[in-house]
N, C-alpha and C. Protein backbone atom coordinates (compact mmCIF):
# COMPACT_ATOMS: atom_id res chain seq x y z
N MET A 1 -10.20 7.77 48.09
CA MET A 1 -9.79 6.69 47.24
C MET A 1 -10.07 7.02 45.77
N ARG A 2 -11.21 7.61 45.54
CA ARG A 2 -11.59 7.97 44.18
C ARG A 2 -10.64 9.02 43.61
N ASN A 3 -10.23 9.99 44.44
CA ASN A 3 -9.31 11.03 44.00
C ASN A 3 -7.96 10.45 43.62
N ILE A 4 -7.51 9.42 44.32
CA ILE A 4 -6.22 8.81 44.01
C ILE A 4 -6.27 8.17 42.63
N PHE A 5 -7.35 7.43 42.34
CA PHE A 5 -7.49 6.80 41.03
C PHE A 5 -7.59 7.85 39.92
N THR A 6 -8.28 8.94 40.17
CA THR A 6 -8.40 10.01 39.19
C THR A 6 -7.03 10.63 38.89
N LYS A 7 -6.25 10.89 39.95
CA LYS A 7 -4.92 11.47 39.76
C LYS A 7 -4.00 10.51 39.01
N ILE A 8 -4.06 9.23 39.35
CA ILE A 8 -3.22 8.23 38.66
C ILE A 8 -3.62 8.16 37.19
N PHE A 9 -4.93 8.14 36.94
CA PHE A 9 -5.42 8.08 35.56
C PHE A 9 -4.98 9.31 34.77
N ASN A 10 -5.10 10.50 35.38
CA ASN A 10 -4.69 11.73 34.71
C ASN A 10 -3.20 11.74 34.42
N LEU A 11 -2.38 11.30 35.38
CA LEU A 11 -0.93 11.26 35.16
C LEU A 11 -0.55 10.25 34.08
N SER A 12 -1.20 9.09 34.08
CA SER A 12 -0.88 8.09 33.05
C SER A 12 -1.35 8.58 31.67
N SER A 13 -2.46 9.31 31.62
CA SER A 13 -2.93 9.87 30.35
C SER A 13 -1.95 10.90 29.81
N ILE A 14 -1.44 11.75 30.67
CA ILE A 14 -0.47 12.76 30.26
C ILE A 14 0.81 12.08 29.77
N GLY A 15 1.25 11.06 30.50
CA GLY A 15 2.44 10.31 30.09
C GLY A 15 2.27 9.65 28.74
N LEU A 16 1.11 9.06 28.52
CA LEU A 16 0.82 8.40 27.25
C LEU A 16 0.79 9.41 26.10
N LEU A 17 0.16 10.55 26.32
CA LEU A 17 0.14 11.60 25.30
C LEU A 17 1.54 12.10 24.98
N LEU A 18 2.37 12.24 26.01
CA LEU A 18 3.76 12.68 25.81
C LEU A 18 4.52 11.65 24.97
N LEU A 19 4.36 10.38 25.27
CA LEU A 19 5.02 9.33 24.50
C LEU A 19 4.54 9.31 23.05
N LEU A 20 3.25 9.46 22.85
CA LEU A 20 2.70 9.48 21.50
C LEU A 20 3.23 10.67 20.70
N SER A 21 3.30 11.82 21.33
CA SER A 21 3.79 13.00 20.61
C SER A 21 5.27 12.84 20.27
N LEU A 22 6.05 12.23 21.15
CA LEU A 22 7.46 11.99 20.86
C LEU A 22 7.62 10.99 19.72
N SER A 23 6.81 9.94 19.72
CA SER A 23 6.92 8.94 18.66
C SER A 23 6.52 9.54 17.31
N LYS A 24 5.52 10.41 17.28
CA LYS A 24 5.14 11.06 16.03
C LYS A 24 6.25 11.98 15.55
N GLU A 25 6.92 12.64 16.49
CA GLU A 25 8.01 13.53 16.14
C GLU A 25 9.17 12.73 15.55
N VAL A 26 9.47 11.58 16.10
CA VAL A 26 10.54 10.73 15.60
C VAL A 26 10.21 10.24 14.20
N ASN A 27 8.99 9.78 13.96
CA ASN A 27 8.59 9.32 12.63
C ASN A 27 8.65 10.44 11.61
N ALA A 28 8.29 11.62 11.99
CA ALA A 28 8.29 12.75 11.06
C ALA A 28 9.70 13.14 10.66
N GLN A 29 10.68 12.83 11.47
CA GLN A 29 12.06 13.21 11.16
C GLN A 29 12.74 12.24 10.21
N ARG A 30 12.16 11.11 9.92
CA ARG A 30 12.79 10.13 9.03
C ARG A 30 12.93 10.65 7.61
N PHE A 31 11.95 11.36 7.11
CA PHE A 31 11.97 11.84 5.73
C PHE A 31 12.27 13.32 5.69
N ARG A 32 13.24 13.66 4.91
CA ARG A 32 13.54 15.07 4.68
C ARG A 32 13.73 15.26 3.19
N GLY A 33 12.91 16.07 2.61
CA GLY A 33 13.01 16.29 1.19
C GLY A 33 11.88 17.18 0.72
N LYS A 34 11.85 17.35 -0.58
CA LYS A 34 10.86 18.23 -1.18
C LYS A 34 9.77 17.42 -1.85
N ILE A 35 8.53 17.75 -1.55
CA ILE A 35 7.37 17.11 -2.17
C ILE A 35 6.60 18.17 -2.93
N GLU A 36 6.34 17.90 -4.21
CA GLU A 36 5.55 18.81 -5.04
C GLU A 36 4.22 18.13 -5.38
N TYR A 37 3.18 18.96 -5.57
CA TYR A 37 1.84 18.45 -5.85
C TYR A 37 1.36 18.98 -7.19
N TYR A 38 0.50 18.20 -7.85
CA TYR A 38 -0.12 18.63 -9.10
C TYR A 38 -1.18 19.69 -8.82
N ASN A 39 -1.23 20.68 -9.69
CA ASN A 39 -2.30 21.65 -9.74
C ASN A 39 -2.84 21.55 -11.16
N SER A 40 -3.82 20.67 -11.36
CA SER A 40 -4.20 20.25 -12.70
C SER A 40 -5.69 20.42 -12.95
N VAL A 41 -6.03 20.53 -14.23
CA VAL A 41 -7.43 20.55 -14.63
C VAL A 41 -8.02 19.14 -14.62
N PHE A 42 -7.16 18.13 -14.59
CA PHE A 42 -7.62 16.74 -14.55
C PHE A 42 -7.87 16.33 -13.11
N PRO A 43 -9.10 15.98 -12.76
CA PRO A 43 -9.40 15.57 -11.39
C PRO A 43 -8.62 14.32 -10.97
N SER A 44 -8.19 13.52 -11.96
CA SER A 44 -7.48 12.28 -11.67
C SER A 44 -6.08 12.53 -11.11
N GLU A 45 -5.55 13.77 -11.25
CA GLU A 45 -4.22 14.05 -10.71
C GLU A 45 -4.17 15.31 -9.84
N ASP A 46 -5.19 16.12 -9.87
CA ASP A 46 -5.19 17.37 -9.12
C ASP A 46 -5.02 17.12 -7.62
N GLY A 47 -4.01 17.75 -7.02
CA GLY A 47 -3.76 17.64 -5.59
C GLY A 47 -2.93 16.43 -5.20
N LYS A 48 -2.59 15.60 -6.16
CA LYS A 48 -1.78 14.42 -5.85
C LYS A 48 -0.29 14.76 -5.92
N ILE A 49 0.52 13.88 -5.34
CA ILE A 49 1.97 14.11 -5.32
C ILE A 49 2.53 14.04 -6.74
N LYS A 50 3.27 15.09 -7.11
CA LYS A 50 3.87 15.20 -8.43
C LYS A 50 5.31 14.68 -8.42
N SER A 51 6.03 14.97 -7.34
CA SER A 51 7.41 14.48 -7.23
C SER A 51 7.84 14.45 -5.77
N ILE A 52 8.77 13.55 -5.51
CA ILE A 52 9.39 13.44 -4.19
C ILE A 52 10.89 13.50 -4.42
N ASN A 53 11.52 14.56 -3.90
CA ASN A 53 12.96 14.75 -4.10
C ASN A 53 13.37 14.64 -5.56
N GLY A 54 12.58 15.19 -6.46
CA GLY A 54 12.90 15.19 -7.88
C GLY A 54 12.47 13.94 -8.63
N THR A 55 12.01 12.90 -7.94
CA THR A 55 11.52 11.70 -8.61
C THR A 55 10.07 11.95 -9.01
N LYS A 56 9.84 11.99 -10.32
CA LYS A 56 8.53 12.34 -10.85
C LYS A 56 7.54 11.19 -10.71
N ILE A 57 6.30 11.52 -10.36
CA ILE A 57 5.21 10.55 -10.26
C ILE A 57 4.11 10.99 -11.23
N GLU A 58 3.74 10.07 -12.14
CA GLU A 58 2.69 10.36 -13.11
C GLU A 58 1.48 9.48 -12.84
N TYR A 59 0.29 9.98 -13.24
CA TYR A 59 -0.97 9.27 -13.02
C TYR A 59 -1.68 9.06 -14.34
N TYR A 60 -2.48 8.01 -14.41
CA TYR A 60 -3.28 7.75 -15.61
C TYR A 60 -4.44 8.73 -15.68
N ASN A 61 -4.69 9.25 -16.88
CA ASN A 61 -5.91 9.97 -17.23
C ASN A 61 -6.59 9.08 -18.24
N SER A 62 -7.46 8.21 -17.78
CA SER A 62 -7.97 7.13 -18.62
C SER A 62 -9.49 7.07 -18.63
N VAL A 63 -10.03 6.48 -19.68
CA VAL A 63 -11.46 6.24 -19.75
C VAL A 63 -11.83 5.00 -18.95
N PHE A 64 -10.84 4.18 -18.62
CA PHE A 64 -11.08 2.97 -17.82
C PHE A 64 -11.06 3.34 -16.34
N LYS A 65 -12.17 3.09 -15.64
CA LYS A 65 -12.24 3.37 -14.20
C LYS A 65 -11.21 2.57 -13.43
N SER A 66 -10.82 1.42 -13.97
CA SER A 66 -9.89 0.54 -13.28
C SER A 66 -8.49 1.15 -13.16
N GLU A 67 -8.17 2.18 -13.96
CA GLU A 67 -6.84 2.78 -13.87
C GLU A 67 -6.85 4.30 -13.77
N ASP A 68 -7.97 4.93 -14.00
CA ASP A 68 -8.04 6.40 -13.98
C ASP A 68 -7.63 6.95 -12.62
N GLY A 69 -6.66 7.86 -12.63
CA GLY A 69 -6.20 8.51 -11.40
C GLY A 69 -5.19 7.70 -10.61
N LYS A 70 -4.82 6.54 -11.11
CA LYS A 70 -3.85 5.70 -10.40
C LYS A 70 -2.45 5.96 -10.93
N VAL A 71 -1.47 5.57 -10.16
CA VAL A 71 -0.07 5.82 -10.50
C VAL A 71 0.28 5.13 -11.83
N LYS A 72 0.85 5.90 -12.73
CA LYS A 72 1.29 5.39 -14.03
C LYS A 72 2.78 5.08 -14.00
N SER A 73 3.54 5.93 -13.32
CA SER A 73 4.98 5.69 -13.20
C SER A 73 5.54 6.44 -12.00
N ILE A 74 6.61 5.87 -11.48
CA ILE A 74 7.39 6.51 -10.43
C ILE A 74 8.81 6.53 -10.95
N GLY A 75 9.29 7.73 -11.28
CA GLY A 75 10.60 7.80 -11.92
C GLY A 75 10.56 7.03 -13.22
N ASN A 76 11.46 6.05 -13.35
CA ASN A 76 11.50 5.25 -14.58
C ASN A 76 10.77 3.92 -14.44
N LYS A 77 10.04 3.71 -13.34
CA LYS A 77 9.28 2.47 -13.14
C LYS A 77 7.87 2.64 -13.67
N ARG A 78 7.50 1.77 -14.64
CA ARG A 78 6.14 1.78 -15.21
C ARG A 78 5.22 0.92 -14.36
N VAL A 79 3.95 1.33 -14.29
CA VAL A 79 2.95 0.57 -13.55
C VAL A 79 1.76 0.32 -14.47
N GLU A 80 1.34 -0.95 -14.55
CA GLU A 80 0.17 -1.32 -15.34
C GLU A 80 -0.87 -1.96 -14.44
N TYR A 81 -2.15 -1.84 -14.85
CA TYR A 81 -3.28 -2.34 -14.06
C TYR A 81 -4.09 -3.33 -14.88
N TYR A 82 -4.77 -4.24 -14.17
CA TYR A 82 -5.66 -5.18 -14.84
C TYR A 82 -6.94 -4.47 -15.24
N ASN A 83 -7.38 -4.71 -16.47
CA ASN A 83 -8.73 -4.37 -16.94
C ASN A 83 -9.37 -5.72 -17.18
N SER A 84 -10.03 -6.26 -16.17
CA SER A 84 -10.43 -7.65 -16.18
C SER A 84 -11.92 -7.82 -15.92
N VAL A 85 -12.44 -8.95 -16.37
CA VAL A 85 -13.83 -9.31 -16.07
C VAL A 85 -13.94 -9.88 -14.66
N PHE A 86 -12.80 -10.27 -14.08
CA PHE A 86 -12.80 -10.81 -12.72
C PHE A 86 -12.73 -9.66 -11.72
N PRO A 87 -13.75 -9.46 -10.90
CA PRO A 87 -13.72 -8.37 -9.92
C PRO A 87 -12.57 -8.52 -8.93
N SER A 88 -12.09 -9.74 -8.75
CA SER A 88 -11.01 -9.98 -7.79
C SER A 88 -9.68 -9.39 -8.24
N GLU A 89 -9.53 -9.05 -9.53
CA GLU A 89 -8.28 -8.46 -9.99
C GLU A 89 -8.47 -7.15 -10.77
N ASN A 90 -9.68 -6.83 -11.16
CA ASN A 90 -9.93 -5.62 -11.95
C ASN A 90 -9.48 -4.37 -11.19
N GLY A 91 -8.65 -3.57 -11.86
CA GLY A 91 -8.17 -2.32 -11.26
C GLY A 91 -6.98 -2.48 -10.34
N LYS A 92 -6.52 -3.70 -10.17
CA LYS A 92 -5.36 -3.93 -9.30
C LYS A 92 -4.08 -3.89 -10.13
N ILE A 93 -2.97 -3.68 -9.47
CA ILE A 93 -1.68 -3.57 -10.15
C ILE A 93 -1.34 -4.88 -10.84
N LYS A 94 -1.04 -4.79 -12.13
CA LYS A 94 -0.69 -5.95 -12.95
C LYS A 94 0.82 -6.17 -13.01
N SER A 95 1.56 -5.06 -13.11
CA SER A 95 3.01 -5.18 -13.16
C SER A 95 3.67 -3.86 -12.76
N ILE A 96 4.86 -4.02 -12.25
CA ILE A 96 5.74 -2.89 -11.95
C ILE A 96 7.00 -3.17 -12.75
N ASP A 97 7.23 -2.37 -13.79
CA ASP A 97 8.26 -2.65 -14.79
C ASP A 97 8.02 -4.05 -15.34
N ASP A 98 8.99 -4.93 -15.24
CA ASP A 98 8.84 -6.28 -15.78
C ASP A 98 8.43 -7.30 -14.73
N ILE A 99 8.14 -6.86 -13.51
CA ILE A 99 7.75 -7.76 -12.43
C ILE A 99 6.23 -7.91 -12.45
N LYS A 100 5.76 -9.14 -12.70
CA LYS A 100 4.33 -9.43 -12.81
C LYS A 100 3.73 -9.66 -11.42
N ILE A 101 2.50 -9.19 -11.24
CA ILE A 101 1.76 -9.37 -9.99
C ILE A 101 0.49 -10.15 -10.31
N GLU A 102 0.28 -11.24 -9.56
CA GLU A 102 -0.89 -12.08 -9.77
C GLU A 102 -1.74 -12.11 -8.51
N TYR A 103 -3.05 -12.35 -8.70
CA TYR A 103 -4.01 -12.39 -7.61
C TYR A 103 -4.77 -13.71 -7.66
N TYR A 104 -5.26 -14.14 -6.51
CA TYR A 104 -6.06 -15.35 -6.46
C TYR A 104 -7.46 -15.06 -7.01
N ASN A 105 -7.92 -15.92 -7.92
CA ASN A 105 -9.32 -15.96 -8.36
C ASN A 105 -9.85 -17.26 -7.77
N SER A 106 -10.43 -17.18 -6.60
CA SER A 106 -10.73 -18.38 -5.83
C SER A 106 -12.18 -18.42 -5.38
N VAL A 107 -12.65 -19.63 -5.15
CA VAL A 107 -13.98 -19.81 -4.57
C VAL A 107 -13.95 -19.54 -3.07
N PHE A 108 -12.74 -19.53 -2.48
CA PHE A 108 -12.59 -19.26 -1.05
C PHE A 108 -12.52 -17.76 -0.82
N LYS A 109 -13.47 -17.20 -0.08
CA LYS A 109 -13.49 -15.77 0.20
C LYS A 109 -12.22 -15.32 0.91
N SER A 110 -11.63 -16.23 1.68
CA SER A 110 -10.46 -15.89 2.48
C SER A 110 -9.24 -15.53 1.63
N GLU A 111 -9.20 -15.93 0.35
CA GLU A 111 -8.05 -15.61 -0.49
C GLU A 111 -8.43 -14.92 -1.80
N ASP A 112 -9.69 -14.91 -2.17
CA ASP A 112 -10.12 -14.33 -3.43
C ASP A 112 -9.74 -12.85 -3.52
N GLY A 113 -9.01 -12.50 -4.59
CA GLY A 113 -8.61 -11.12 -4.82
C GLY A 113 -7.36 -10.69 -4.09
N LYS A 114 -6.79 -11.57 -3.30
CA LYS A 114 -5.57 -11.22 -2.56
C LYS A 114 -4.36 -11.55 -3.41
N ILE A 115 -3.23 -10.95 -3.07
CA ILE A 115 -2.00 -11.15 -3.83
C ILE A 115 -1.58 -12.62 -3.79
N LYS A 116 -1.31 -13.16 -4.95
CA LYS A 116 -0.80 -14.52 -5.08
C LYS A 116 0.73 -14.49 -5.21
N SER A 117 1.22 -13.55 -6.03
CA SER A 117 2.67 -13.43 -6.19
C SER A 117 3.04 -12.05 -6.70
N ILE A 118 4.22 -11.63 -6.31
CA ILE A 118 4.87 -10.44 -6.86
C ILE A 118 6.24 -10.92 -7.30
N GLY A 119 6.39 -11.11 -8.61
CA GLY A 119 7.63 -11.70 -9.11
C GLY A 119 7.83 -13.08 -8.51
N ASN A 120 8.94 -13.27 -7.84
CA ASN A 120 9.26 -14.56 -7.21
C ASN A 120 8.78 -14.67 -5.77
N ILE A 121 8.10 -13.65 -5.28
CA ILE A 121 7.57 -13.69 -3.92
C ILE A 121 6.17 -14.29 -3.97
N LYS A 122 5.97 -15.38 -3.23
CA LYS A 122 4.69 -16.09 -3.21
C LYS A 122 3.98 -15.88 -1.87
N PHE A 123 2.67 -15.66 -1.92
CA PHE A 123 1.84 -15.45 -0.74
C PHE A 123 0.88 -16.61 -0.58
N GLU A 124 0.71 -17.09 0.66
CA GLU A 124 -0.30 -18.09 0.97
C GLU A 124 -1.13 -17.57 2.15
N TYR A 125 -2.43 -17.92 2.15
CA TYR A 125 -3.36 -17.43 3.16
C TYR A 125 -3.99 -18.59 3.91
N ASN A 126 -4.38 -18.32 5.15
CA ASN A 126 -5.08 -19.32 5.94
C ASN A 126 -6.48 -19.51 5.37
N ASN A 127 -6.89 -20.73 5.30
CA ASN A 127 -8.21 -21.09 4.80
C ASN A 127 -8.79 -22.15 5.73
N SER A 128 -8.78 -21.84 7.02
CA SER A 128 -9.09 -22.84 8.04
C SER A 128 -10.56 -22.87 8.44
N GLY A 129 -11.30 -21.85 8.11
CA GLY A 129 -12.68 -21.77 8.55
C GLY A 129 -12.83 -21.05 9.88
N SER A 130 -11.73 -20.74 10.51
CA SER A 130 -11.75 -20.00 11.77
C SER A 130 -11.84 -18.51 11.47
N SER A 131 -12.75 -17.84 12.13
CA SER A 131 -12.94 -16.41 11.86
C SER A 131 -11.72 -15.59 12.30
N LYS A 132 -10.92 -16.10 13.21
CA LYS A 132 -9.76 -15.35 13.70
C LYS A 132 -8.58 -15.42 12.73
N SER A 133 -8.42 -16.52 12.02
CA SER A 133 -7.25 -16.65 11.16
C SER A 133 -7.58 -16.74 9.67
N ASP A 134 -8.84 -16.90 9.34
CA ASP A 134 -9.24 -17.02 7.94
C ASP A 134 -8.86 -15.78 7.15
N GLY A 135 -8.18 -15.97 6.02
CA GLY A 135 -7.82 -14.86 5.15
C GLY A 135 -6.56 -14.13 5.54
N LYS A 136 -5.97 -14.48 6.68
CA LYS A 136 -4.72 -13.86 7.09
C LYS A 136 -3.56 -14.59 6.44
N ILE A 137 -2.47 -13.88 6.24
CA ILE A 137 -1.31 -14.47 5.58
C ILE A 137 -0.75 -15.62 6.40
N ARG A 138 -0.55 -16.76 5.71
CA ARG A 138 0.06 -17.93 6.34
C ARG A 138 1.56 -17.93 6.08
N SER A 139 1.97 -17.55 4.86
CA SER A 139 3.40 -17.52 4.56
C SER A 139 3.69 -16.59 3.39
N ILE A 140 4.90 -16.04 3.40
CA ILE A 140 5.44 -15.26 2.29
C ILE A 140 6.82 -15.83 2.04
N SER A 141 7.07 -16.24 0.82
CA SER A 141 8.39 -16.79 0.51
C SER A 141 8.94 -16.14 -0.75
N ASN A 142 10.24 -15.91 -0.74
CA ASN A 142 10.92 -15.32 -1.89
C ASN A 142 11.82 -16.40 -2.48
N GLU A 143 11.33 -17.03 -3.53
CA GLU A 143 12.12 -18.06 -4.19
C GLU A 143 13.37 -17.43 -4.80
N ASN A 144 14.49 -18.03 -4.58
CA ASN A 144 15.79 -17.58 -5.11
C ASN A 144 16.27 -16.26 -4.49
N ASN A 145 15.64 -15.79 -3.41
CA ASN A 145 16.01 -14.52 -2.77
C ASN A 145 16.21 -13.41 -3.80
N ASP A 146 15.22 -13.22 -4.64
CA ASP A 146 15.27 -12.28 -5.75
C ASP A 146 15.15 -10.84 -5.26
N PRO A 147 16.23 -10.03 -5.36
CA PRO A 147 16.16 -8.65 -4.88
C PRO A 147 15.24 -7.75 -5.71
N GLU A 148 15.05 -8.06 -7.00
CA GLU A 148 14.15 -7.26 -7.83
C GLU A 148 12.70 -7.44 -7.37
N SER A 149 12.34 -8.65 -6.97
CA SER A 149 10.99 -8.89 -6.45
C SER A 149 10.80 -8.19 -5.11
N GLU A 150 11.85 -8.16 -4.27
CA GLU A 150 11.78 -7.44 -2.99
C GLU A 150 11.54 -5.95 -3.24
N ASP A 151 12.23 -5.38 -4.20
CA ASP A 151 12.06 -3.97 -4.55
C ASP A 151 10.64 -3.73 -5.09
N ALA A 152 10.14 -4.65 -5.91
CA ALA A 152 8.78 -4.52 -6.44
C ALA A 152 7.75 -4.58 -5.32
N LEU A 153 7.99 -5.43 -4.32
CA LEU A 153 7.07 -5.53 -3.17
C LEU A 153 7.01 -4.19 -2.43
N ASP A 154 8.16 -3.58 -2.16
CA ASP A 154 8.18 -2.27 -1.50
C ASP A 154 7.47 -1.22 -2.35
N THR A 155 7.73 -1.23 -3.65
CA THR A 155 7.10 -0.27 -4.57
C THR A 155 5.59 -0.49 -4.62
N TYR A 156 5.16 -1.76 -4.60
CA TYR A 156 3.73 -2.10 -4.62
C TYR A 156 3.01 -1.41 -3.46
N TYR A 157 3.53 -1.54 -2.25
CA TYR A 157 2.88 -0.94 -1.09
C TYR A 157 2.91 0.59 -1.14
N PHE A 158 3.97 1.15 -1.69
CA PHE A 158 4.05 2.61 -1.85
C PHE A 158 2.99 3.08 -2.85
N ILE A 159 2.84 2.37 -3.96
CA ILE A 159 1.85 2.72 -4.98
C ILE A 159 0.44 2.62 -4.40
N GLU A 160 0.18 1.57 -3.62
CA GLU A 160 -1.15 1.42 -3.00
C GLU A 160 -1.47 2.63 -2.12
N ARG A 161 -0.48 3.12 -1.40
CA ARG A 161 -0.70 4.32 -0.57
C ARG A 161 -0.99 5.54 -1.42
N LEU A 162 -0.23 5.71 -2.51
CA LEU A 162 -0.47 6.86 -3.40
C LEU A 162 -1.85 6.76 -4.05
N ASN A 163 -2.27 5.57 -4.42
CA ASN A 163 -3.58 5.40 -5.07
C ASN A 163 -4.74 5.67 -4.14
N ARG A 164 -4.51 5.63 -2.84
CA ARG A 164 -5.59 5.91 -1.88
C ARG A 164 -5.74 7.40 -1.60
N GLN A 165 -4.90 8.23 -2.17
CA GLN A 165 -4.97 9.69 -1.94
C GLN A 165 -6.32 10.23 -2.35
């Protein structure tokens, strides 16, 4: 009986590994292009992505810790960061081109420092006191179905990934 369970477990493990490897292969095939990296004397940009398919990415070389080494521009899109006394927004993205990004400065831990809006896209968070839902997104709405705000939202998440390099 024990051998049967061991064989079933081994076969299911092999099947799961096969599925995972196929899914990784599928995801890897989505992007095809050239990525270049900085080879710089500035630690704030050394080893970071310089361009993707010819779209140049620049980083701040700044005395402010809140922006040093973070994305300055992607192609023709400018990125600015907060230099603030509020820890909930200091060092976070302030704007992408002309699209303003705001954060909650709240007494509620569940929303403090989280995105309040990106252009016309508004974020609301649960503040129920429940440990399972507290601080999780309750709603995201795009007033006027603004496509520029949608583009800024996508760019925001891309910049966050680049800044974590």
